Amino acid sequence: MGRLTDKAILVTGSTTGIGKAIATRCLEEGARVLIHGLESDLAEKTWNELDPERTSSDVLIADLADPAAPARLRDAMLNRFGKIDALVNNAALIGTGSIETTDPAGFDQFVRINVKGPFFLIKTLLPELAKSGGCVLNIGSVNASCGEPDLLPYSITKGALMTMTRNLGDTLHREYGVRVNQINPGWILTENELRRKREQGLPEDWPGAINNQFAPSGRIFDPGEIAAAAVYFLSDESGPVSGSVLDIEQYPMIGRNPSKEIQA
């Protein structure tokens, strides 16, 4: 028996990176999973990799910027699994932008995907989650606490997601019996992060040469390490935990002691 046996879980943005790792771990723990993404060929590849017999999963292509997407995802879950036990809001728009470079259209797109997307998915799935006594797990970022100068709109949306988690973690738990929690990952070595850093001019072997101010352990996180934490919040082991935000980082975000070299 796995820790998530027979639970029906929707993981958005689950064709790559953290979302794929969470979907993988959920299947390993006995859950049934709806894989979601934007690209049909990548979704098909992921589906074949994670569940080649297609006995415990399904896949749906949907743009979360589309107002019709939440209902499509809900219906896909019910048609395949007959219930919804958990929602993992992992899909997000990641990109650079500062106060100088961000225009209204770009800002709105971050909000549309990273804030409105999770909000209306929760709203649409809430009646089914209430029936199952289910839960929501939002995947945020440590950038929610402030963020880097060139990650400003992204960081703002992750801060909004964290407020959403705190608020709904209280109200939905009391009124509907639905728990809402959040994981804020630090720097994760995903396929997309590898590609982005190479595009920014870093060498092929950059993960092995990260300054210890960013990676005291000598490496950055693997997506599977985030998935391991996700299982706790999705399983019955977390009991009544709701409204919690877990930073998964290898140094304290607040109260960190910078080195003398950085101070100089």
Protein backbone atom coordinates (compact mmCIF):
# COMPACT_ATOMS: atom_id res chain seq x y z
CA MET A 1 0.00 0.00 0.00
CA GLY A 2 1.36 3.37 -1.00
CA ARG A 3 0.94 6.58 0.94
CA LEU A 4 -1.49 7.91 -1.69
CA THR A 5 -3.31 4.69 -2.63
CA ASP A 6 -6.50 5.31 -4.64
CA LYS A 7 -6.29 9.10 -4.40
CA ALA A 8 -7.18 10.96 -7.60
CA ILE A 9 -4.79 13.87 -8.03
CA LEU A 10 -4.54 16.64 -10.62
CA VAL A 11 -1.00 17.99 -11.06
CA THR A 12 -0.85 21.04 -13.32
CA GLY A 13 2.30 21.65 -15.33
CA SER A 14 3.32 18.03 -14.91
CA THR A 15 5.13 17.32 -18.17
CA THR A 16 8.49 18.69 -16.94
CA GLY A 17 10.41 19.69 -13.85
CA ILE A 18 8.84 19.77 -10.40
CA GLY A 19 5.38 18.92 -11.69
CA LYS A 20 6.62 15.83 -13.49
CA ALA A 21 8.53 14.74 -10.38
CA ILE A 22 5.39 15.17 -8.26
CA ALA A 23 3.26 13.23 -10.75
CA THR A 24 5.87 10.48 -10.82
CA ARG A 25 6.01 10.20 -7.04
CA CYS A 26 2.21 10.26 -6.74
CA LEU A 27 1.93 7.33 -9.15
CA GLU A 28 4.64 5.47 -7.24
CA GLU A 29 2.66 5.99 -4.04
CA GLY A 30 -0.49 4.47 -5.52
CA ALA A 31 -2.38 7.55 -6.71
CA ARG A 32 -4.20 8.05 -9.97
CA VAL A 33 -2.97 11.19 -11.72
CA LEU A 34 -4.15 13.58 -14.41
CA ILE A 35 -1.06 14.85 -16.24
CA HIS A 36 -1.46 18.40 -17.55
CA GLY A 37 0.60 20.48 -19.92
CA LEU A 38 0.60 22.89 -22.85
CA GLU A 39 2.32 20.80 -25.53
CA SER A 40 0.65 17.64 -26.76
CA ASP A 41 3.84 15.92 -27.93
CA LEU A 42 5.58 16.51 -24.59
CA ALA A 43 2.49 15.38 -22.69
CA GLU A 44 2.30 12.18 -24.73
CA LYS A 45 5.99 11.50 -24.12
CA THR A 46 5.58 12.07 -20.39
CA TRP A 47 2.49 9.86 -20.25
CA ASN A 48 4.30 7.02 -21.97
CA GLU A 49 7.24 7.40 -19.60
CA LEU A 50 5.26 7.59 -16.36
CA ASP A 51 2.44 5.14 -17.10
CA PRO A 52 3.05 3.18 -20.30
CA GLU A 53 0.10 0.89 -19.63
CA ARG A 54 -2.10 3.94 -18.97
CA THR A 55 -3.85 2.19 -16.13
CA SER A 56 -3.48 4.88 -13.46
CA SER A 57 -3.39 8.17 -15.33
CA ASP A 58 -4.76 10.39 -18.04
CA VAL A 59 -3.53 13.51 -19.80
CA LEU A 60 -5.10 16.83 -20.78
CA ILE A 61 -3.70 19.76 -22.74
CA ALA A 62 -5.07 23.07 -21.47
CA ASP A 63 -3.88 26.67 -21.27
CA LEU A 64 -4.61 27.98 -17.78
CA ALA A 65 -5.02 31.46 -19.26
CA ASP A 66 -8.21 30.14 -20.87
CA PRO A 67 -11.23 30.72 -18.58
CA ALA A 68 -12.65 27.39 -19.74
CA ALA A 69 -9.59 25.41 -18.59
CA PRO A 70 -10.64 24.79 -14.95
CA ALA A 71 -13.93 23.19 -15.98
CA ARG A 72 -12.18 21.06 -18.60
CA LEU A 73 -9.70 19.80 -16.02
CA ARG A 74 -12.46 19.08 -13.51
CA ASP A 75 -14.49 17.17 -16.08
CA ALA A 76 -11.44 15.18 -17.19
CA MET A 77 -10.78 14.13 -13.61
CA LEU A 78 -14.38 13.07 -13.00
CA ASN A 79 -14.73 11.27 -16.31
CA ARG A 80 -11.59 9.21 -15.75
CA PHE A 81 -11.43 8.77 -11.97
CA GLY A 82 -14.92 9.64 -10.70
CA LYS A 83 -13.62 11.92 -7.96
CA ILE A 84 -11.00 14.53 -7.09
CA ASP A 85 -8.93 14.08 -3.92
CA ALA A 86 -6.21 16.64 -4.48
CA LEU A 87 -5.10 19.52 -6.67
CA VAL A 88 -1.45 20.44 -7.09
CA ASN A 89 -1.16 23.95 -8.52
CA ASN A 90 2.30 23.66 -10.02
CA ALA A 91 1.96 25.23 -13.49
CA ALA A 92 3.48 28.70 -13.62
CA LEU A 93 4.87 31.30 -15.97
CA ILE A 94 8.56 31.83 -15.17
CA GLY A 95 10.41 34.75 -16.68
CA THR A 96 12.46 37.83 -16.07
CA GLY A 97 11.25 41.38 -15.62
CA SER A 98 12.14 44.43 -13.56
CA ILE A 99 10.37 47.68 -12.68
CA GLU A 100 12.01 49.19 -15.76
CA THR A 101 11.34 46.43 -18.28
CA THR A 102 7.90 45.05 -17.35
CA ASP A 103 5.01 46.34 -19.46
CA PRO A 104 1.28 46.02 -18.65
CA ALA A 105 0.72 43.09 -21.01
CA GLY A 106 3.63 41.14 -19.59
CA PHE A 107 2.57 41.83 -16.02
CA ASP A 108 -1.00 40.74 -16.75
CA GLN A 109 0.23 37.47 -18.22
CA PHE A 110 2.13 36.62 -15.02
CA VAL A 111 -0.99 37.35 -12.98
CA ARG A 112 -3.24 35.43 -15.37
CA ILE A 113 -1.21 32.21 -15.13
CA ASN A 114 0.32 32.37 -11.65
CA VAL A 115 -2.54 33.86 -9.63
CA LYS A 116 -5.84 33.66 -11.50
CA GLY A 117 -5.04 30.16 -12.77
CA PRO A 118 -4.68 28.57 -9.32
CA PHE A 119 -7.49 30.69 -7.86
CA PHE A 120 -10.13 29.63 -10.36
CA LEU A 121 -8.95 26.02 -10.41
CA ILE A 122 -9.50 25.86 -6.66
CA LYS A 123 -12.90 27.53 -7.02
CA THR A 124 -14.00 25.16 -9.78
CA LEU A 125 -12.76 21.99 -8.06
CA LEU A 126 -13.92 23.00 -4.57
CA PRO A 127 -17.29 21.16 -4.58
CA GLU A 128 -15.54 17.91 -5.55
CA LEU A 129 -12.70 18.43 -3.09
CA ALA A 130 -15.28 19.05 -0.36
CA LYS A 131 -17.00 15.74 -1.19
CA SER A 132 -13.74 13.82 -0.85
CA GLY A 133 -12.35 15.76 2.10
CA GLY A 134 -9.47 16.61 -0.21
CA CYS A 135 -6.66 19.08 -0.28
CA VAL A 136 -4.82 21.66 -2.36
CA LEU A 137 -1.06 22.01 -2.60
CA ASN A 138 0.25 25.19 -4.19
CA ILE A 139 3.80 25.24 -5.51
CA GLY A 140 5.26 28.70 -4.98
CA SER A 141 8.82 29.97 -4.71
CA VAL A 142 11.16 31.39 -2.10
CA ASN A 143 11.06 34.48 -4.32
CA ALA A 144 7.65 35.16 -2.78
CA SER A 145 9.51 36.68 0.16
CA CYS A 146 11.08 39.40 -1.97
CA GLY A 147 12.62 38.11 -5.17
CA GLU A 148 15.53 39.22 -7.29
CA PRO A 149 15.39 42.58 -9.14
CA ASP A 150 14.93 40.91 -12.53
CA LEU A 151 12.28 38.50 -11.24
CA LEU A 152 9.91 41.18 -10.00
CA PRO A 153 6.55 40.32 -11.64
CA TYR A 154 7.14 36.60 -11.11
CA SER A 155 7.97 37.21 -7.44
CA ILE A 156 4.90 39.41 -6.94
CA THR A 157 2.65 36.62 -8.20
CA LYS A 158 4.28 34.08 -5.93
CA GLY A 159 3.71 36.43 -3.00
CA ALA A 160 0.05 36.62 -4.00
CA LEU A 161 -0.14 32.83 -4.18
CA MET A 162 1.25 32.61 -0.65
CA THR A 163 -1.42 35.01 0.63
CA MET A 164 -4.04 32.90 -1.15
CA THR A 165 -2.73 29.79 0.59
CA ARG A 166 -2.80 31.39 4.04
CA ASN A 167 -6.31 32.75 3.52
CA LEU A 168 -7.90 29.66 1.95
CA GLY A 169 -5.99 27.35 4.26
CA ASP A 170 -8.13 28.79 7.04
CA THR A 171 -11.47 29.44 5.37
CA LEU A 172 -11.74 26.33 3.21
CA HIS A 173 -10.61 24.08 6.02
CA ARG A 174 -13.26 25.40 8.39
CA GLU A 175 -16.10 25.72 5.90
CA TYR A 176 -15.50 22.80 3.53
CA GLY A 177 -13.01 20.46 5.20
CA VAL A 178 -10.50 21.15 2.41
CA ARG A 179 -6.90 21.73 3.45
CA VAL A 180 -4.68 24.18 1.52
CA ASN A 181 -0.89 24.28 1.91
CA GLN A 182 2.11 25.50 -0.07
CA ILE A 183 5.69 24.56 -0.82
CA ASN A 184 8.15 27.33 -1.71
CA PRO A 185 11.11 25.70 -3.46
CA GLY A 186 14.50 27.31 -3.74
CA TRP A 187 16.81 26.81 -6.71
CA ILE A 188 15.87 23.57 -8.50
CA LEU A 189 17.83 21.77 -11.21
CA THR A 190 15.03 21.20 -13.71
CA GLU A 191 15.37 20.61 -17.45
CA ASN A 192 14.16 24.15 -18.11
CA GLU A 193 16.59 25.65 -15.62
CA LEU A 194 19.46 23.83 -17.31
CA ARG A 195 18.37 25.25 -20.65
CA ARG A 196 17.82 28.80 -19.36
CA LYS A 197 21.24 29.04 -17.74
CA ARG A 198 22.96 27.73 -20.86
CA GLU A 199 21.06 30.29 -22.92
CA GLN A 200 22.31 32.95 -20.50
CA GLY A 201 25.90 31.96 -21.30
CA LEU A 202 26.81 29.58 -18.49
CA PRO A 203 28.97 26.56 -19.41
CA GLU A 204 27.55 23.07 -19.79
CA ASP A 205 28.91 22.02 -16.39
CA TRP A 206 27.57 25.04 -14.48
CA PRO A 207 25.63 22.97 -11.88
CA GLY A 208 28.94 21.69 -10.52
CA ALA A 209 30.44 25.13 -10.05
CA ILE A 210 27.82 27.04 -8.05
CA ASN A 211 29.03 29.52 -5.42
CA ASN A 212 28.48 28.18 -1.91
CA GLN A 213 26.50 31.30 -1.04
CA PHE A 214 23.72 29.86 -3.19
CA ALA A 215 24.39 26.18 -2.52
CA PRO A 216 26.15 25.53 0.81
CA SER A 217 25.70 21.80 0.17
CA GLY A 218 27.65 22.06 -3.07
CA ARG A 219 24.62 21.44 -5.29
CA ILE A 220 21.11 22.71 -5.91
CA PHE A 221 17.91 20.75 -5.38
CA ASP A 222 16.67 17.88 -7.50
CA PRO A 223 12.94 18.01 -8.42
CA GLY A 224 12.45 14.66 -6.69
CA GLU A 225 13.33 16.26 -3.37
CA ILE A 226 10.42 18.66 -3.76
CA ALA A 227 8.14 15.78 -4.74
CA ALA A 228 9.07 13.95 -1.55
CA ALA A 229 7.79 16.88 0.50
CA ALA A 230 4.67 17.14 -1.64
CA VAL A 231 3.65 13.59 -0.73
CA TYR A 232 3.46 14.55 2.94
CA PHE A 233 0.95 17.34 2.28
CA LEU A 234 -1.08 15.21 -0.15
CA SER A 235 -1.26 12.18 2.12
CA ASP A 236 -3.33 11.57 5.22
CA GLU A 237 -0.10 11.74 7.23
CA SER A 238 -0.35 15.55 7.33
CA GLY A 239 -3.60 15.22 9.29
CA PRO A 240 -5.22 18.62 9.91
CA VAL A 241 -2.30 20.69 8.61
CA SER A 242 -3.64 23.66 6.63
CA GLY A 243 -2.50 27.18 5.80
CA SER A 244 1.14 26.15 6.10
CA VAL A 245 3.92 27.37 3.80
CA LEU A 246 7.11 25.31 3.72
CA ASP A 247 10.29 26.91 2.37
CA ILE A 248 12.52 24.22 0.88
CA GLU A 249 15.86 25.96 0.75
CA GLN A 250 19.35 25.13 2.03
CA TYR A 251 19.91 28.37 3.92
CA PRO A 252 17.63 30.65 5.96
CA MET A 253 15.80 33.21 3.86
CA ILE A 254 15.61 35.56 6.83
CA GLY A 255 18.59 36.06 9.12
CA ARG A 256 21.22 34.71 6.76
CA ASN A 257 24.84 35.62 7.54
CA PRO A 258 26.59 36.65 4.32
CA SER A 259 30.29 35.95 3.93
CA LYS A 260 32.93 38.62 4.49
CA GLU A 261 33.72 38.47 0.79
CA ILE A 262 30.16 39.48 -0.08
CA GLN A 263 30.10 42.14 2.64
CA ALA A 264 33.26 43.67 1.21
